[in-house]
C-alpha atoms as a PDB file:
ATOM      1  CA  MET A   1      -3.422 -47.307 -12.533  1.00  0.00           C
ATOM      2  CA  PRO A   2      -6.721 -46.781 -10.726  1.00  0.00           C
ATOM      3  CA  ASP A   3      -7.567 -43.315  -9.424  1.00  0.00           C
ATOM      4  CA  THR A   4      -7.516 -44.312  -5.758  1.00  0.00           C
ATOM      5  CA  LEU A   5      -5.812 -42.586  -2.861  1.00  0.00           C
ATOM      6  CA  GLN A   6      -2.825 -44.580  -1.666  1.00  0.00           C
ATOM      7  CA  SER A   7      -0.852 -44.286   1.560  1.00  0.00           C
ATOM      8  CA  TRP A   8       2.801 -44.831   2.393  1.00  0.00           C
ATOM      9  CA  GLU A   9       4.137 -44.893   5.953  1.00  0.00           C
ATOM     10  CA  ASP A  10       7.761 -44.298   6.847  1.00  0.00           C
ATOM     11  CA  PRO A  11       9.163 -47.380   8.639  1.00  0.00           C
ATOM     12  CA  ASP A  12      11.143 -45.094  10.968  1.00  0.00           C
ATOM     13  CA  GLY A  13       8.049 -43.227  12.130  1.00  0.00           C
ATOM     14  CA  MET A  14       8.681 -39.939  10.317  1.00  0.00           C
ATOM     15  CA  GLY A  15       5.132 -39.766   8.988  1.00  0.00           C
ATOM     16  CA  LYS A  16       2.786 -40.767   6.184  1.00  0.00           C
ATOM     17  CA  VAL A  17       2.324 -39.691   2.584  1.00  0.00           C
ATOM     18  CA  HIS A  18      -1.048 -39.884   0.818  1.00  0.00           C
ATOM     19  CA  PHE A  19      -0.890 -39.853  -2.964  1.00  0.00           C
ATOM     20  CA  HIS A  20      -2.455 -40.795  -6.279  1.00  0.00           C
ATOM     21  CA  GLY A  21      -0.480 -42.815  -8.820  1.00  0.00           C
ATOM     22  CA  PHE A  22      -1.004 -43.151 -12.568  1.00  0.00           C
ATOM     23  CA  LEU A  23       0.544 -44.725 -15.621  1.00  0.00           C
ATOM     24  CA  VAL A  24       0.536 -42.045 -18.324  1.00  0.00           C
ATOM     25  CA  SER A  25       0.585 -43.777 -21.705  1.00  0.00           C
ATOM     26  CA  ALA A  26       2.237 -42.396 -24.805  1.00  0.00           C
ATOM     27  CA  LEU A  27       0.402 -40.629 -27.604  1.00  0.00           C
ATOM     28  CA  ASN A  28       0.590 -43.778 -29.711  1.00  0.00           C
ATOM     29  CA  ASN A  29      -0.770 -45.815 -26.769  1.00  0.00           C
ATOM     30  CA  SER A  30       2.202 -48.161 -26.975  1.00  0.00           C
ATOM     31  CA  LEU A  31       2.696 -50.439 -24.009  1.00  0.00           C
ATOM     32  CA  PRO A  32       5.906 -49.915 -22.044  1.00  0.00           C
ATOM     33  CA  SER A  33       8.544 -52.561 -22.616  1.00  0.00           C
ATOM     34  CA  GLU A  34      11.235 -51.018 -20.436  1.00  0.00           C
ATOM     35  CA  LYS A  35      11.514 -49.398 -17.040  1.00  0.00           C
ATOM     36  CA  LEU A  36       9.674 -46.083 -16.916  1.00  0.00           C
ATOM     37  CA  PRO A  37      10.617 -42.625 -15.660  1.00  0.00           C
ATOM     38  CA  LEU A  38       8.936 -41.313 -12.512  1.00  0.00           C
ATOM     39  CA  VAL A  39       7.403 -37.831 -12.348  1.00  0.00           C
ATOM     40  CA  VAL A  40       6.288 -36.559  -8.917  1.00  0.00           C
ATOM     41  CA  PHE A  41       3.964 -33.547  -9.083  1.00  0.00           C
ATOM     42  CA  PHE A  42       3.435 -31.166  -6.148  1.00  0.00           C
ATOM     43  CA  GLY A  43       0.509 -28.792  -6.594  1.00  0.00           C
ATOM     44  CA  ALA A  44      -1.455 -26.092  -4.803  1.00  0.00           C
ATOM     45  CA  ILE A  45      -2.365 -26.822  -1.190  1.00  0.00           C
ATOM     46  CA  GLU A  46      -6.118 -26.409  -1.576  1.00  0.00           C
ATOM     47  CA  TRP A  47      -6.569 -28.255  -4.858  1.00  0.00           C
ATOM     48  CA  ILE A  48      -8.185 -31.630  -4.257  1.00  0.00           C
ATOM     49  CA  ASP A  49      -8.753 -32.996  -7.752  1.00  0.00           C
ATOM     50  CA  GLU A  50      -5.988 -31.248  -9.684  1.00  0.00           C
ATOM     51  CA  HIS A  51      -4.391 -34.589 -10.486  1.00  0.00           C
ATOM     52  CA  LYS A  52      -7.302 -35.429 -12.797  1.00  0.00           C
ATOM     53  CA  ASP A  53      -6.671 -32.408 -15.008  1.00  0.00           C
ATOM     54  CA  LEU A  54      -2.922 -32.982 -14.815  1.00  0.00           C
ATOM     55  CA  VAL A  55      -3.270 -36.542 -16.078  1.00  0.00           C
ATOM     56  CA  ARG A  56      -5.388 -35.331 -19.001  1.00  0.00           C
ATOM     57  CA  GLN A  57      -2.811 -32.662 -19.847  1.00  0.00           C
ATOM     58  CA  CYS A  58       0.060 -35.146 -19.663  1.00  0.00           C
ATOM     59  CA  GLN A  59      -1.842 -37.675 -21.768  1.00  0.00           C
ATOM     60  CA  MET A  60      -2.217 -35.091 -24.532  1.00  0.00           C
ATOM     61  CA  VAL A  61       1.496 -34.390 -24.894  1.00  0.00           C
ATOM     62  CA  ALA A  62       3.333 -37.491 -23.668  1.00  0.00           C
ATOM     63  CA  ALA A  63       5.544 -38.910 -26.407  1.00  0.00           C
ATOM     64  CA  TYR A  64       6.687 -41.699 -24.076  1.00  0.00           C
ATOM     65  CA  PRO A  65       4.974 -43.434 -21.162  1.00  0.00           C
ATOM     66  CA  PHE A  66       5.879 -42.593 -17.576  1.00  0.00           C
ATOM     67  CA  VAL A  67       4.617 -43.057 -14.043  1.00  0.00           C
ATOM     68  CA  LEU A  68       3.045 -40.018 -12.362  1.00  0.00           C
ATOM     69  CA  ALA A  69       2.695 -39.666  -8.578  1.00  0.00           C
ATOM     70  CA  VAL A  70       0.685 -36.783  -7.054  1.00  0.00           C
ATOM     71  CA  PRO A  71       0.978 -36.432  -3.249  1.00  0.00           C
ATOM     72  CA  GLN A  72      -1.325 -34.504  -0.947  1.00  0.00           C
ATOM     73  CA  SER A  73      -0.037 -31.742   1.301  1.00  0.00           C
ATOM     74  CA  PRO A  74       0.391 -33.039   4.887  1.00  0.00           C
ATOM     75  CA  GLY A  75      -2.455 -32.284   7.276  1.00  0.00           C
ATOM     76  CA  GLY A  76      -1.933 -29.087   9.270  1.00  0.00           C
ATOM     77  CA  LEU A  77       0.956 -28.021   7.061  1.00  0.00           C
ATOM     78  CA  SER A  78       1.448 -25.773   4.057  1.00  0.00           C
ATOM     79  CA  TRP A  79       3.557 -28.496   2.510  1.00  0.00           C
ATOM     80  CA  PHE A  80       6.661 -28.190   4.693  1.00  0.00           C
ATOM     81  CA  LEU A  81       5.795 -25.101   6.768  1.00  0.00           C
ATOM     82  CA  GLN A  82       3.843 -25.452  10.018  1.00  0.00           C
ATOM     83  CA  ASN A  83       1.474 -22.498  10.423  1.00  0.00           C
ATOM     84  CA  ASP A  84       0.489 -21.508  13.971  1.00  0.00           C
ATOM     85  CA  GLU A  85      -1.718 -18.469  14.467  1.00  0.00           C
ATOM     86  CA  GLN A  86      -0.501 -16.226  17.272  1.00  0.00           C
ATOM     87  CA  PRO A  87      -2.654 -14.297  19.811  1.00  0.00           C
ATOM     88  CA  SER A  88      -1.513 -11.116  18.100  1.00  0.00           C
ATOM     89  CA  GLY A  89      -3.128 -12.317  14.905  1.00  0.00           C
ATOM     90  CA  GLY A  90       0.115 -13.080  13.104  1.00  0.00           C
ATOM     91  CA  LEU A  91       1.443 -16.418  11.953  1.00  0.00           C
ATOM     92  CA  LEU A  92       4.380 -18.341  13.390  1.00  0.00           C
ATOM     93  CA  CYS A  93       5.807 -20.486  10.609  1.00  0.00           C
ATOM     94  CA  THR A  94       8.239 -23.303  11.290  1.00  0.00           C
ATOM     95  CA  TYR A  95      10.167 -25.314   8.716  1.00  0.00           C
ATOM     96  CA  GLN A  96       9.459 -29.024   9.148  1.00  0.00           C
ATOM     97  CA  ARG A  97      12.676 -30.785   8.137  1.00  0.00           C
ATOM     98  CA  GLN A  98      11.385 -34.184   9.223  1.00  0.00           C
ATOM     99  CA  THR A  99       8.433 -33.893   6.852  1.00  0.00           C
ATOM    100  CA  VAL A 100      10.771 -33.064   3.965  1.00  0.00           C
ATOM    101  CA  GLN A 101      12.824 -36.113   4.904  1.00  0.00           C
ATOM    102  CA  CYS A 102       9.683 -38.252   5.013  1.00  0.00           C
ATOM    103  CA  PHE A 103       8.630 -37.185   1.511  1.00  0.00           C
ATOM    104  CA  SER A 104      12.166 -37.740   0.225  1.00  0.00           C
ATOM    105  CA  LYS A 105      12.154 -41.282   1.605  1.00  0.00           C
ATOM    106  CA  TRP A 106       8.747 -41.909   0.027  1.00  0.00           C
ATOM    107  CA  ILE A 107      10.075 -40.838  -3.379  1.00  0.00           C
ATOM    108  CA  VAL A 108      13.159 -43.026  -2.965  1.00  0.00           C
ATOM    109  CA  ASP A 109      10.827 -45.936  -2.162  1.00  0.00           C
ATOM    110  CA  LEU A 110       8.860 -45.261  -5.351  1.00  0.00           C
ATOM    111  CA  THR A 111      12.036 -45.346  -7.453  1.00  0.00           C
ATOM    112  CA  ARG A 112      12.834 -48.808  -6.082  1.00  0.00           C
ATOM    113  CA  ARG A 113       9.556 -50.341  -7.156  1.00  0.00           C
ATOM    114  CA  PRO A 114       9.373 -52.778 -10.098  1.00  0.00           C
ATOM    115  CA  GLY A 115       9.158 -51.073 -13.479  1.00  0.00           C
ATOM    116  CA  ILE A 116      10.598 -47.715 -12.351  1.00  0.00           C
ATOM    117  CA  ASP A 117      13.847 -46.370 -13.795  1.00  0.00           C
ATOM    118  CA  LEU A 118      15.508 -44.790 -10.771  1.00  0.00           C
ATOM    119  CA  THR A 119      17.928 -42.892 -13.029  1.00  0.00           C
ATOM    120  CA  ARG A 120      15.059 -40.837 -14.520  1.00  0.00           C
ATOM    121  CA  LEU A 121      13.346 -38.982 -11.706  1.00  0.00           C
ATOM    122  CA  TRP A 122      11.601 -35.638 -12.174  1.00  0.00           C
ATOM    123  CA  LEU A 123       9.928 -33.302  -9.688  1.00  0.00           C
ATOM    124  CA  PHE A 124       7.293 -30.825 -10.917  1.00  0.00           C
ATOM    125  CA  GLY A 125       5.974 -28.037  -8.678  1.00  0.00           C
ATOM    126  CA  PHE A 126       3.016 -25.760  -9.366  1.00  0.00           C
ATOM    127  CA  SER A 127       1.833 -22.875  -7.144  1.00  0.00           C
ATOM    128  CA  GLU A 128       2.704 -23.682  -3.493  1.00  0.00           C
ATOM    129  CA  GLY A 129       3.984 -27.010  -4.761  1.00  0.00           C
ATOM    130  CA  ARG A 130       6.886 -25.146  -6.322  1.00  0.00           C
ATOM    131  CA  TYR A 131       8.101 -24.396  -2.804  1.00  0.00           C
ATOM    132  CA  ALA A 132       7.734 -28.077  -1.840  1.00  0.00           C
ATOM    133  CA  VAL A 133       9.897 -29.150  -4.779  1.00  0.00           C
ATOM    134  CA  LEU A 134      12.575 -26.604  -3.871  1.00  0.00           C
ATOM    135  CA  GLU A 135      12.732 -27.893  -0.294  1.00  0.00           C
ATOM    136  CA  LEU A 136      13.194 -31.438  -1.600  1.00  0.00           C
ATOM    137  CA  LEU A 137      15.904 -30.194  -3.945  1.00  0.00           C
ATOM    138  CA  ALA A 138      17.537 -28.317  -1.047  1.00  0.00           C
ATOM    139  CA  LEU A 139      17.579 -31.384   1.209  1.00  0.00           C
ATOM    140  CA  GLY A 140      19.614 -33.195  -1.408  1.00  0.00           C
ATOM    141  CA  TRP A 141      18.520 -36.775  -0.749  1.00  0.00           C
ATOM    142  CA  LEU A 142      17.240 -37.386  -4.297  1.00  0.00           C
ATOM    143  CA  ARG A 143      19.146 -38.100  -7.477  1.00  0.00           C
ATOM    144  CA  LEU A 144      17.202 -35.882  -9.853  1.00  0.00           C
ATOM    145  CA  SER A 145      17.187 -35.850 -13.632  1.00  0.00           C
ATOM    146  CA  GLY A 146      15.155 -32.672 -13.678  1.00  0.00           C
ATOM    147  CA  VAL A 147      12.983 -30.148 -11.876  1.00  0.00           C
ATOM    148  CA  GLY A 148      10.064 -28.175 -13.324  1.00  0.00           C
ATOM    149  CA  LEU A 149       8.944 -25.084 -11.401  1.00  0.00           C
ATOM    150  CA  GLY A 150       5.574 -23.695 -12.467  1.00  0.00           C
ATOM    151  CA  ALA A 151       3.793 -20.422 -11.890  1.00  0.00           C
ATOM    152  CA  SER A 152       2.961 -19.378  -8.357  1.00  0.00           C
ATOM    153  CA  TRP A 153      -0.561 -18.309  -7.516  1.00  0.00           C
ATOM    154  CA  ILE A 154      -0.237 -18.399  -3.714  1.00  0.00           C
ATOM    155  CA  GLN A 155      -2.605 -17.728  -0.807  1.00  0.00           C
ATOM    156  CA  PRO A 156      -1.780 -14.519   1.173  1.00  0.00           C
ATOM    157  CA  ASP A 157      -1.543 -16.361   4.518  1.00  0.00           C
ATOM    158  CA  TRP A 158       0.914 -18.801   3.064  1.00  0.00           C
ATOM    159  CA  MET A 159       2.946 -15.920   1.666  1.00  0.00           C
ATOM    160  CA  GLN A 160       3.339 -14.503   5.199  1.00  0.00           C
ATOM    161  CA  CYS A 161       4.897 -17.804   6.227  1.00  0.00           C
ATOM    162  CA  MET A 162       7.204 -17.849   3.233  1.00  0.00           C
ATOM    163  CA  TYR A 163       8.401 -14.309   3.896  1.00  0.00           C
ATOM    164  CA  ALA A 164       9.041 -15.133   7.571  1.00  0.00           C
ATOM    165  CA  ASP A 165      11.249 -18.092   6.604  1.00  0.00           C
ATOM    166  CA  TRP A 166      12.792 -16.463   3.531  1.00  0.00           C
ATOM    167  CA  ALA A 167      16.383 -16.002   4.738  1.00  0.00           C
ATOM    168  CA  GLN A 168      16.623 -19.532   6.153  1.00  0.00           C
ATOM    169  CA  PHE A 169      14.993 -20.945   3.035  1.00  0.00           C
ATOM    170  CA  LEU A 170      17.645 -19.344   0.825  1.00  0.00           C
ATOM    171  CA  LYS A 171      20.386 -20.805   3.027  1.00  0.00           C
ATOM    172  CA  ARG A 172      18.895 -24.267   2.586  1.00  0.00           C
ATOM    173  CA  LEU A 173      18.506 -23.765  -1.155  1.00  0.00           C
ATOM    174  CA  GLY A 174      22.101 -22.579  -1.439  1.00  0.00           C
ATOM    175  CA  ILE A 175      23.394 -26.080  -0.689  1.00  0.00           C
ATOM    176  CA  HIS A 176      20.871 -27.991  -2.805  1.00  0.00           C
ATOM    177  CA  GLY A 177      21.711 -31.375  -4.271  1.00  0.00           C
ATOM    178  CA  GLY A 178      21.577 -30.314  -7.915  1.00  0.00           C
ATOM    179  CA  ALA A 179      19.722 -31.574 -10.974  1.00  0.00           C
ATOM    180  CA  GLN A 180      20.694 -32.168 -14.577  1.00  0.00           C
ATOM    181  CA  TYR A 181      17.934 -29.827 -15.724  1.00  0.00           C
ATOM    182  CA  ILE A 182      15.931 -27.133 -13.902  1.00  0.00           C
ATOM    183  CA  HIS A 183      13.210 -25.195 -15.720  1.00  0.00           C
ATOM    184  CA  ALA A 184      11.408 -22.317 -13.984  1.00  0.00           C
ATOM    185  CA  ILE A 185       8.303 -20.620 -15.369  1.00  0.00           C
ATOM    186  CA  HIS A 186       7.147 -17.177 -14.255  1.00  0.00           C
ATOM    187  CA  SER A 187       4.322 -14.879 -15.341  1.00  0.00           C
ATOM    188  CA  PRO A 188       5.102 -11.152 -15.541  1.00  0.00           C
ATOM    189  CA  ALA A 189       1.596 -10.475 -14.184  1.00  0.00           C
ATOM    190  CA  ASP A 190       2.206 -12.501 -11.022  1.00  0.00           C
ATOM    191  CA  THR A 191       1.840 -10.036  -8.136  1.00  0.00           C
ATOM    192  CA  THR A 192       1.421 -12.574  -5.313  1.00  0.00           C
ATOM    193  CA  TRP A 193       4.958 -13.815  -5.870  1.00  0.00           C
ATOM    194  CA  PRO A 194       6.876 -10.978  -7.591  1.00  0.00           C
ATOM    195  CA  TRP A 195       9.728 -11.694  -9.978  1.00  0.00           C
ATOM    196  CA  ASN A 196      12.371 -10.298  -7.614  1.00  0.00           C
ATOM    197  CA  TYR A 197      11.737 -13.255  -5.278  1.00  0.00           C
ATOM    198  CA  SER A 198      11.879 -15.804  -8.086  1.00  0.00           C
ATOM    199  CA  LYS A 199      14.972 -14.081  -9.458  1.00  0.00           C
ATOM    200  CA  LYS A 200      16.740 -14.451  -6.113  1.00  0.00           C
ATOM    201  CA  MET A 201      15.854 -18.155  -5.966  1.00  0.00           C
ATOM    202  CA  VAL A 202      17.203 -18.665  -9.478  1.00  0.00           C
ATOM    203  CA  GLU A 203      20.440 -16.852  -8.590  1.00  0.00           C
ATOM    204  CA  VAL A 204      20.932 -19.026  -5.506  1.00  0.00           C
ATOM    205  CA  MET A 205      20.180 -22.208  -7.443  1.00  0.00           C
ATOM    206  CA  ASN A 206      22.510 -21.212 -10.271  1.00  0.00           C
ATOM    207  CA  GLN A 207      25.396 -20.555  -7.906  1.00  0.00           C
ATOM    208  CA  ARG A 208      25.029 -24.067  -6.534  1.00  0.00           C
ATOM    209  CA  GLN A 209      24.600 -25.579 -10.007  1.00  0.00           C
ATOM    210  CA  VAL A 210      27.930 -24.014 -10.995  1.00  0.00           C
ATOM    211  CA  GLU A 211      29.585 -25.481  -7.900  1.00  0.00           C
ATOM    212  CA  LEU A 212      28.255 -28.903  -8.907  1.00  0.00           C
ATOM    213  CA  ASN A 213      29.292 -28.435 -12.556  1.00  0.00           C
ATOM    214  CA  LEU A 214      25.662 -28.625 -13.687  1.00  0.00           C
ATOM    215  CA  PRO A 215      23.724 -26.495 -16.243  1.00  0.00           C
ATOM    216  CA  PRO A 216      22.085 -23.226 -15.114  1.00  0.00           C
ATOM    217  CA  VAL A 217      18.363 -22.832 -14.528  1.00  0.00           C
ATOM    218  CA  LYS A 218      16.305 -22.180 -17.642  1.00  0.00           C
ATOM    219  CA  VAL A 219      13.652 -19.466 -17.160  1.00  0.00           C
ATOM    220  CA  THR A 220      10.552 -19.192 -19.350  1.00  0.00           C
ATOM    221  CA  TRP A 221       8.094 -16.300 -19.176  1.00  0.00           C
ATOM    222  CA  GLY A 222       4.471 -17.456 -19.067  1.00  0.00           C
ATOM    223  CA  ASN A 223       1.476 -15.640 -20.522  1.00  0.00           C
ATOM    224  CA  PRO A 224      -0.125 -12.799 -18.533  1.00  0.00           C
ATOM    225  CA  ILE A 225      -2.640 -13.938 -15.909  1.00  0.00           C
ATOM    226  CA  GLU A 226      -6.065 -12.436 -16.570  1.00  0.00           C
ATOM    227  CA  SER A 227      -8.214 -14.526 -14.249  1.00  0.00           C
ATOM    228  CA  ASP A 228      -8.218 -17.673 -12.151  1.00  0.00           C
ATOM    229  CA  ASP A 229     -10.023 -19.443 -15.009  1.00  0.00           C
ATOM    230  CA  ASN A 230      -7.033 -19.238 -17.348  1.00  0.00           C
ATOM    231  CA  TYR A 231      -4.344 -19.394 -14.680  1.00  0.00           C
ATOM    232  CA  ASP A 232      -3.360 -22.979 -15.475  1.00  0.00           C
ATOM    233  CA  GLN A 233      -2.792 -22.052 -19.104  1.00  0.00           C
ATOM    234  CA  ALA A 234      -0.898 -18.919 -18.064  1.00  0.00           C
ATOM    235  CA  GLY A 235       1.404 -20.826 -15.781  1.00  0.00           C
ATOM    236  CA  PHE A 236       2.528 -24.392 -15.700  1.00  0.00           C
ATOM    237  CA  MET A 237      -0.034 -26.615 -17.356  1.00  0.00           C
ATOM    238  CA  SER A 238      -0.166 -25.146 -20.850  1.00  0.00           C
ATOM    239  CA  LYS A 239       0.383 -27.763 -23.534  1.00  0.00           C
ATOM    240  CA  ALA A 240       3.516 -26.131 -24.962  1.00  0.00           C
ATOM    241  CA  LEU A 241       5.298 -25.680 -21.642  1.00  0.00           C
ATOM    242  CA  LEU A 242       4.287 -29.042 -20.250  1.00  0.00           C
ATOM    243  CA  GLU A 243       5.426 -30.720 -23.450  1.00  0.00           C
ATOM    244  CA  THR A 244       8.818 -29.021 -23.149  1.00  0.00           C
ATOM    245  CA  LEU A 245       9.312 -30.448 -19.664  1.00  0.00           C
ATOM    246  CA  ILE A 246       7.887 -33.898 -20.298  1.00  0.00           C
ATOM    247  CA  ARG A 247       9.729 -34.702 -23.516  1.00  0.00           C
ATOM    248  CA  LEU A 248      13.243 -33.883 -22.312  1.00  0.00           C
ATOM    249  CA  ASP A 249      14.156 -36.884 -20.224  1.00  0.00           C
ATOM    250  CA  LEU A 250      11.339 -39.343 -20.655  1.00  0.00           C
ATOM    251  CA  ALA A 251      12.489 -41.044 -23.838  1.00  0.00           C
ATOM    252  CA  PRO A 252      13.769 -44.588 -23.393  1.00  0.00           C
ATOM    253  CA  PRO A 253      17.549 -44.643 -22.908  1.00  0.00           C
ATOM    254  CA  ALA A 254      19.519 -45.247 -26.078  1.00  0.00           C
ATOM    255  CA  ALA A 255      20.756 -48.770 -26.640  1.00  0.00           C
ATOM    256  CA  PRO A 256      24.475 -49.131 -25.856  1.00  0.00           C
ATOM    257  CA  ARG A 257      26.735 -49.043 -28.859  1.00  0.00           C
ATOM    258  CA  ALA A 258      28.347 -52.321 -29.829  1.00  0.00           C
ATOM    259  CA  ALA A 259      32.035 -52.441 -29.074  1.00  0.00           C
ATOM    260  CA  SER A 260      34.196 -52.311 -32.172  1.00  0.00           C
ATOM    261  CA  SER A 261      36.052 -55.508 -32.988  1.00  0.00           C
ATOM    262  CA  ALA A 262      38.682 -53.691 -34.983  1.00  0.00           C
ATOM    263  CA  THR A 263      42.145 -53.444 -33.550  1.00  0.00           C
ATOM    264  CA  GLY A 264      44.793 -50.950 -34.397  1.00  0.00           C
ATOM    265  CA  GLY A 265      48.026 -52.060 -35.956  1.00  0.00           C
END
């Protein structure tokens, strides 16, 4: 797919989504002969060209082809939080449910396009994008095969918003729609988003997974973060961790077994 910015507009007027789309080929460069899984990647708010590095990383480890969609954060929003600076100097942060609904509808539309296997849908979230993925999971409009939650280098202003909405966010997450597989990655050196916050999110997600009779969240500890230069490798986009997430559900579905013609007697 060409590296061009595409736009999708909700027919009910909820908003627009701007995104890049790619076909990630397999390591053996085989052409797809069946419907492909869809991976939607939500990244850091301020990263403009992160999708280019992501595609390269995926290309290096993909054992099977899949379609990758990388949306941009909505204008004026930190993904799904509206940030309004107050006269006092603080930030008033408001959860934008309609925007979450708009992005959910966009993803549903993608799954209905020719060549997409709607039964194999993954959401990946890195940095602030991890929050975006969790809000989509919490809304519960998507039938998800899996969720990958990467490390969380987050801007201080955005953190103020997240803290202000923390209690309500956990309530939303506590009734999430579930996924067959959830994998969270955390670095022990992450001080912008301490482990006690991630731990609480995992506990809330696990409680709901149990209610839905689904597997618990898998947690992997990333490498220590030494600098911004090696942050990608320390968090989500290392080859080993990305390969773990990509290979799980992207293989073509097994052919149905032939019914036995034998009869008892």
